[in-house]
Amino acid sequence: MAKPVRLRRLAAEDIDAALDHYCSEAGHDVAARFIGSVGRAITRIGRHPDNGSLRFAYELGIPDLRCCPLPRFPYLALYIERETEVDAWRVLHTRRDIPSTLAETNEQ
């Protein structure tokens, strides 16, 4: 059974920043495709939260932290499955220093 996905404030800000970037640099069609990709990733995470990679969980020592790539865009959704929901921490570009960014997120 699918679980609801709750976006943390930082994840929502990440999505907004990427959307602003795509609107200004690539146009509204690409921005709309990005939002569609985010929606598909969130749906997939809610339905199959255990399918995400544990790469950053091991690297950062954050148990159960998983990541899932966004279809057709260079972003990763980072999340933890909880008992009743999926806690989406961040949506980060793959060229960012993800371990450093997540270490800062974990401290908040």
Protein backbone atom coordinates (compact mmCIF):
# COMPACT_ATOMS: atom_id res chain seq x y z
CA MET A 1 0.00 0.00 0.00
CA ALA A 2 1.30 3.44 -0.92
CA LYS A 3 2.37 5.86 1.79
CA PRO A 4 1.93 9.61 1.62
CA VAL A 5 5.11 11.55 0.88
CA ARG A 6 5.70 14.59 3.08
CA LEU A 7 8.08 17.17 1.63
CA ARG A 8 10.23 18.94 4.16
CA ARG A 9 10.55 22.68 3.76
CA LEU A 10 14.05 22.29 2.26
CA ALA A 11 12.81 19.76 -0.32
CA ALA A 12 10.04 22.15 -1.38
CA GLU A 13 12.60 24.99 -1.60
CA ASP A 14 14.88 22.77 -3.71
CA ILE A 15 12.03 22.08 -6.13
CA ASP A 16 11.09 25.76 -6.30
CA ALA A 17 14.69 26.79 -7.00
CA ALA A 18 15.05 24.20 -9.78
CA LEU A 19 11.72 25.24 -11.25
CA ASP A 20 12.78 28.90 -11.26
CA HIS A 21 16.03 27.90 -12.97
CA TYR A 22 14.28 25.89 -15.68
CA CYS A 23 11.69 28.65 -16.27
CA SER A 24 14.34 31.31 -16.75
CA GLU A 25 16.97 29.23 -18.56
CA ALA A 26 15.03 26.63 -20.55
CA GLY A 27 11.44 27.84 -20.76
CA HIS A 28 8.07 26.87 -19.41
CA ASP A 29 7.83 23.59 -21.35
CA VAL A 30 10.99 22.23 -19.72
CA ALA A 31 9.85 23.56 -16.33
CA ALA A 32 6.53 21.73 -16.76
CA ARG A 33 8.37 18.51 -17.65
CA PHE A 34 10.50 18.96 -14.52
CA ILE A 35 7.39 19.24 -12.34
CA GLY A 36 6.00 16.12 -14.01
CA SER A 37 9.24 14.30 -13.27
CA VAL A 38 9.07 15.37 -9.62
CA GLY A 39 5.50 14.11 -9.43
CA ARG A 40 6.41 10.73 -10.93
CA ALA A 41 9.35 10.36 -8.53
CA ILE A 42 7.16 11.20 -5.53
CA THR A 43 4.54 8.70 -6.65
CA ARG A 44 7.21 6.01 -7.12
CA ILE A 45 8.73 6.76 -3.70
CA GLY A 46 5.33 6.54 -2.03
CA ARG A 47 4.53 3.21 -3.70
CA HIS A 48 7.97 1.60 -3.38
CA PRO A 49 10.03 3.46 -0.76
CA ASP A 50 12.35 0.51 -0.22
CA ASN A 51 13.59 0.62 -3.84
CA GLY A 52 15.80 3.69 -3.39
CA SER A 53 19.57 3.44 -3.11
CA LEU A 54 21.14 3.46 0.36
CA ARG A 55 24.38 4.98 -0.96
CA PHE A 56 24.20 8.14 1.14
CA ALA A 57 22.96 6.25 4.21
CA TYR A 58 26.24 4.36 4.25
CA GLU A 59 28.34 7.36 3.30
CA LEU A 60 26.86 9.66 5.94
CA GLY A 61 25.82 7.18 8.61
CA ILE A 62 22.15 8.21 8.38
CA PRO A 63 20.21 4.96 8.75
CA ASP A 64 17.57 4.29 6.08
CA LEU A 65 18.34 7.41 4.03
CA ARG A 66 17.53 6.55 0.43
CA CYS A 67 17.75 8.35 -2.89
CA CYS A 68 15.77 8.07 -6.08
CA PRO A 69 16.65 9.73 -9.39
CA LEU A 70 14.12 11.99 -11.08
CA PRO A 71 13.22 10.67 -14.52
CA ARG A 72 15.02 12.61 -17.30
CA PHE A 73 16.48 15.27 -14.99
CA PRO A 74 19.80 15.29 -13.09
CA TYR A 75 18.24 15.41 -9.62
CA LEU A 76 17.96 13.00 -6.73
CA ALA A 77 15.09 12.85 -4.26
CA LEU A 78 16.47 11.98 -0.83
CA TYR A 79 14.10 10.51 1.73
CA ILE A 80 13.53 8.21 4.70
CA GLU A 81 10.63 5.80 4.98
CA ARG A 82 8.74 6.20 8.25
CA GLU A 83 6.03 3.95 9.67
CA THR A 84 3.11 5.92 8.21
CA GLU A 85 4.72 8.18 5.59
CA VAL A 86 7.78 8.89 3.51
CA ASP A 87 9.82 11.86 4.76
CA ALA A 88 11.33 13.62 1.71
CA TRP A 89 14.40 15.53 2.90
CA ARG A 90 15.82 17.15 -0.22
CA VAL A 91 15.68 17.21 -4.03
CA LEU A 92 19.24 17.95 -5.11
CA HIS A 93 21.07 18.33 -8.41
CA THR A 94 23.51 15.49 -8.95
CA ARG A 95 26.41 17.94 -9.45
CA ARG A 96 26.05 19.32 -5.94
CA ASP A 97 28.19 18.08 -3.11
CA ILE A 98 25.35 15.94 -1.83
CA PRO A 99 27.14 14.52 1.24
CA SER A 100 28.01 18.02 2.51
CA THR A 101 24.53 19.33 1.79
CA LEU A 102 22.89 16.38 3.55
CA ALA A 103 25.22 16.69 6.52
CA GLU A 104 23.96 20.28 6.91
CA THR A 105 20.33 19.10 6.51
CA ASN A 106 20.81 16.42 9.16
CA GLU A 107 22.07 19.03 11.63
CA GLN A 108 18.86 21.08 11.30
